[in-house]
């Protein structure tokens, strides 16, 4: 995966209780960093309280390409 790819949650990502706010939403990878959660994703229409600025960092197994 690379910056600019459109993504959604994988089945494993949907099971993670920390991702409830973005189930069924589309996102775009904005940054890949050297970190525990390397993929920074901007989610469209994400609730602002759960995802500040619509951004949420995730691991690779939690997302899949569209």
N, C-alpha and C. Protein backbone atom coordinates (compact mmCIF):
# COMPACT_ATOMS: atom_id res chain seq x y z
N UNK A 1 0.84 -1.17 0.00
CA UNK A 1 0.00 0.00 0.00
C UNK A 1 0.89 1.23 0.00
N UNK A 2 0.34 2.32 -0.57
CA UNK A 2 1.11 3.54 -0.63
C UNK A 2 0.21 4.75 -0.43
N UNK A 3 0.83 5.89 -0.20
CA UNK A 3 0.09 7.13 0.02
C UNK A 3 -0.81 7.39 -1.18
N UNK A 4 -2.06 7.75 -0.91
CA UNK A 4 -3.02 8.04 -1.97
C UNK A 4 -3.99 6.89 -2.24
N UNK A 5 -3.70 5.70 -1.74
CA UNK A 5 -4.60 4.56 -1.95
C UNK A 5 -5.90 4.75 -1.18
N UNK A 6 -7.02 4.40 -1.82
CA UNK A 6 -8.31 4.40 -1.15
C UNK A 6 -8.47 3.09 -0.40
N UNK A 7 -8.94 3.18 0.84
CA UNK A 7 -9.05 1.99 1.69
C UNK A 7 -10.38 1.97 2.44
N UNK A 8 -10.69 0.82 3.00
CA UNK A 8 -11.79 0.62 3.91
C UNK A 8 -11.31 -0.39 4.95
N UNK A 9 -12.11 -0.63 5.96
CA UNK A 9 -11.70 -1.59 6.98
C UNK A 9 -11.76 -3.02 6.45
N UNK A 10 -10.80 -3.82 6.83
CA UNK A 10 -10.82 -5.25 6.54
C UNK A 10 -11.75 -5.91 7.56
N UNK A 11 -12.01 -7.19 7.41
CA UNK A 11 -12.86 -7.88 8.38
C UNK A 11 -12.21 -7.88 9.76
N UNK A 12 -10.89 -7.98 9.82
CA UNK A 12 -10.18 -7.91 11.10
C UNK A 12 -10.30 -6.52 11.70
N UNK A 13 -10.24 -5.49 10.87
CA UNK A 13 -10.38 -4.12 11.35
C UNK A 13 -11.76 -3.84 11.90
N UNK A 14 -12.79 -4.46 11.31
CA UNK A 14 -14.15 -4.27 11.79
C UNK A 14 -14.37 -4.89 13.17
N UNK A 15 -13.60 -5.93 13.48
CA UNK A 15 -13.72 -6.60 14.77
C UNK A 15 -13.07 -5.81 15.90
N UNK A 16 -12.15 -4.91 15.56
CA UNK A 16 -11.43 -4.12 16.54
C UNK A 16 -12.35 -3.01 17.07
N UNK A 17 -12.60 -3.01 18.36
CA UNK A 17 -13.53 -2.04 18.96
C UNK A 17 -13.04 -0.60 18.83
N UNK A 18 -11.76 -0.39 18.62
CA UNK A 18 -11.23 0.96 18.45
C UNK A 18 -11.55 1.57 17.10
N UNK A 19 -12.09 0.78 16.18
CA UNK A 19 -12.39 1.27 14.83
C UNK A 19 -13.87 1.45 14.55
N UNK A 20 -14.70 1.36 15.58
CA UNK A 20 -16.15 1.42 15.40
C UNK A 20 -16.59 2.68 14.65
N UNK A 21 -15.93 3.79 14.87
CA UNK A 21 -16.32 5.07 14.27
C UNK A 21 -16.17 5.09 12.75
N UNK A 22 -15.35 4.21 12.19
CA UNK A 22 -15.09 4.27 10.75
C UNK A 22 -15.60 3.04 9.98
N UNK A 23 -16.40 2.20 10.63
CA UNK A 23 -16.97 1.04 9.93
C UNK A 23 -17.87 1.54 8.81
N UNK A 24 -17.64 1.03 7.61
CA UNK A 24 -18.45 1.40 6.45
C UNK A 24 -18.01 2.67 5.75
N UNK A 25 -16.95 3.32 6.23
CA UNK A 25 -16.48 4.56 5.61
C UNK A 25 -15.31 4.29 4.66
N UNK A 26 -15.04 5.28 3.83
CA UNK A 26 -13.91 5.23 2.91
C UNK A 26 -12.82 6.15 3.43
N UNK A 27 -11.59 5.77 3.19
CA UNK A 27 -10.47 6.60 3.62
C UNK A 27 -9.37 6.62 2.58
N UNK A 28 -8.44 7.55 2.77
CA UNK A 28 -7.28 7.64 1.89
C UNK A 28 -6.04 7.67 2.78
N UNK A 29 -5.02 6.92 2.38
CA UNK A 29 -3.76 6.90 3.13
C UNK A 29 -3.06 8.22 2.88
N UNK A 30 -2.77 8.96 3.98
CA UNK A 30 -2.12 10.27 3.85
C UNK A 30 -0.64 10.22 4.18
N UNK A 31 -0.25 9.22 4.99
CA UNK A 31 1.15 9.15 5.41
C UNK A 31 1.46 7.73 5.85
N UNK A 32 2.68 7.30 5.59
CA UNK A 32 3.17 6.02 6.10
C UNK A 32 4.43 6.34 6.89
N UNK A 33 4.44 5.93 8.15
CA UNK A 33 5.54 6.29 9.02
C UNK A 33 6.11 5.06 9.73
N UNK A 34 7.27 5.21 10.31
CA UNK A 34 7.90 4.15 11.10
C UNK A 34 7.29 4.22 12.49
N UNK A 35 6.27 3.42 12.74
CA UNK A 35 5.55 3.51 14.00
C UNK A 35 4.78 2.22 14.22
N UNK A 36 4.24 2.04 15.41
CA UNK A 36 3.44 0.86 15.70
C UNK A 36 2.21 0.80 14.80
N UNK A 37 1.60 1.96 14.56
CA UNK A 37 0.46 2.07 13.64
C UNK A 37 0.91 2.94 12.47
N UNK A 38 1.52 2.33 11.46
CA UNK A 38 2.21 3.11 10.43
C UNK A 38 1.32 3.84 9.42
N UNK A 39 0.09 3.39 9.19
CA UNK A 39 -0.74 3.99 8.14
C UNK A 39 -1.65 5.05 8.73
N UNK A 40 -1.42 6.31 8.36
CA UNK A 40 -2.30 7.39 8.79
C UNK A 40 -3.36 7.58 7.70
N UNK A 41 -4.61 7.49 8.10
CA UNK A 41 -5.71 7.50 7.13
C UNK A 41 -6.69 8.60 7.45
N UNK A 42 -7.08 9.36 6.43
CA UNK A 42 -8.13 10.37 6.57
C UNK A 42 -9.43 9.72 6.13
N UNK A 43 -10.39 9.64 7.04
CA UNK A 43 -11.68 9.00 6.79
C UNK A 43 -12.73 10.05 6.45
N UNK A 44 -13.49 9.82 5.38
CA UNK A 44 -14.57 10.73 5.01
C UNK A 44 -15.75 10.52 5.95
N UNK A 45 -16.33 11.62 6.41
CA UNK A 45 -17.52 11.63 7.27
C UNK A 45 -17.31 10.93 8.61
N UNK A 46 -16.09 10.87 9.09
CA UNK A 46 -15.83 10.27 10.40
C UNK A 46 -16.29 11.24 11.49
N UNK A 47 -16.90 10.72 12.56
CA UNK A 47 -17.30 11.59 13.68
C UNK A 47 -16.09 12.29 14.28
N UNK A 48 -16.17 13.58 14.43
CA UNK A 48 -15.01 14.37 14.89
C UNK A 48 -14.57 14.01 16.31
N UNK A 49 -15.47 13.61 17.16
CA UNK A 49 -15.09 13.26 18.53
C UNK A 49 -14.22 12.02 18.59
N UNK A 50 -14.47 11.07 17.70
CA UNK A 50 -13.73 9.81 17.70
C UNK A 50 -12.45 9.88 16.86
N UNK A 51 -12.45 10.72 15.83
CA UNK A 51 -11.30 10.84 14.93
C UNK A 51 -10.96 12.32 14.76
N UNK A 52 -10.07 12.85 15.57
CA UNK A 52 -9.71 14.26 15.42
C UNK A 52 -9.25 14.56 13.99
N UNK A 53 -9.83 15.55 13.37
CA UNK A 53 -9.52 15.93 11.98
C UNK A 53 -9.79 14.82 10.98
N UNK A 54 -10.55 13.81 11.38
CA UNK A 54 -10.86 12.70 10.48
C UNK A 54 -9.70 11.74 10.28
N UNK A 55 -8.64 11.88 11.07
CA UNK A 55 -7.45 11.04 10.93
C UNK A 55 -7.43 9.93 11.96
N UNK A 56 -6.98 8.77 11.52
CA UNK A 56 -6.84 7.63 12.42
C UNK A 56 -5.67 6.79 11.91
N UNK A 57 -4.76 6.44 12.81
CA UNK A 57 -3.61 5.59 12.43
C UNK A 57 -3.98 4.13 12.64
N UNK A 58 -3.54 3.28 11.71
CA UNK A 58 -3.91 1.87 11.74
C UNK A 58 -2.76 0.98 11.32
N UNK A 59 -2.89 -0.28 11.65
CA UNK A 59 -1.95 -1.30 11.18
C UNK A 59 -2.44 -1.84 9.84
N UNK A 60 -1.55 -2.49 9.11
CA UNK A 60 -1.86 -2.98 7.77
C UNK A 60 -3.03 -3.98 7.76
N UNK A 61 -3.09 -4.87 8.73
CA UNK A 61 -4.13 -5.90 8.71
C UNK A 61 -5.53 -5.34 8.94
N UNK A 62 -5.62 -4.09 9.44
CA UNK A 62 -6.92 -3.48 9.73
C UNK A 62 -7.59 -2.86 8.51
N UNK A 63 -6.83 -2.71 7.42
CA UNK A 63 -7.38 -2.04 6.23
C UNK A 63 -7.20 -2.90 4.99
N UNK A 64 -8.00 -2.56 3.97
CA UNK A 64 -7.84 -3.22 2.66
C UNK A 64 -8.09 -2.18 1.57
N UNK A 65 -7.48 -2.40 0.43
CA UNK A 65 -7.64 -1.51 -0.72
C UNK A 65 -9.04 -1.64 -1.31
N UNK A 66 -9.52 -0.55 -1.86
CA UNK A 66 -10.80 -0.60 -2.57
C UNK A 66 -10.57 -1.02 -3.99
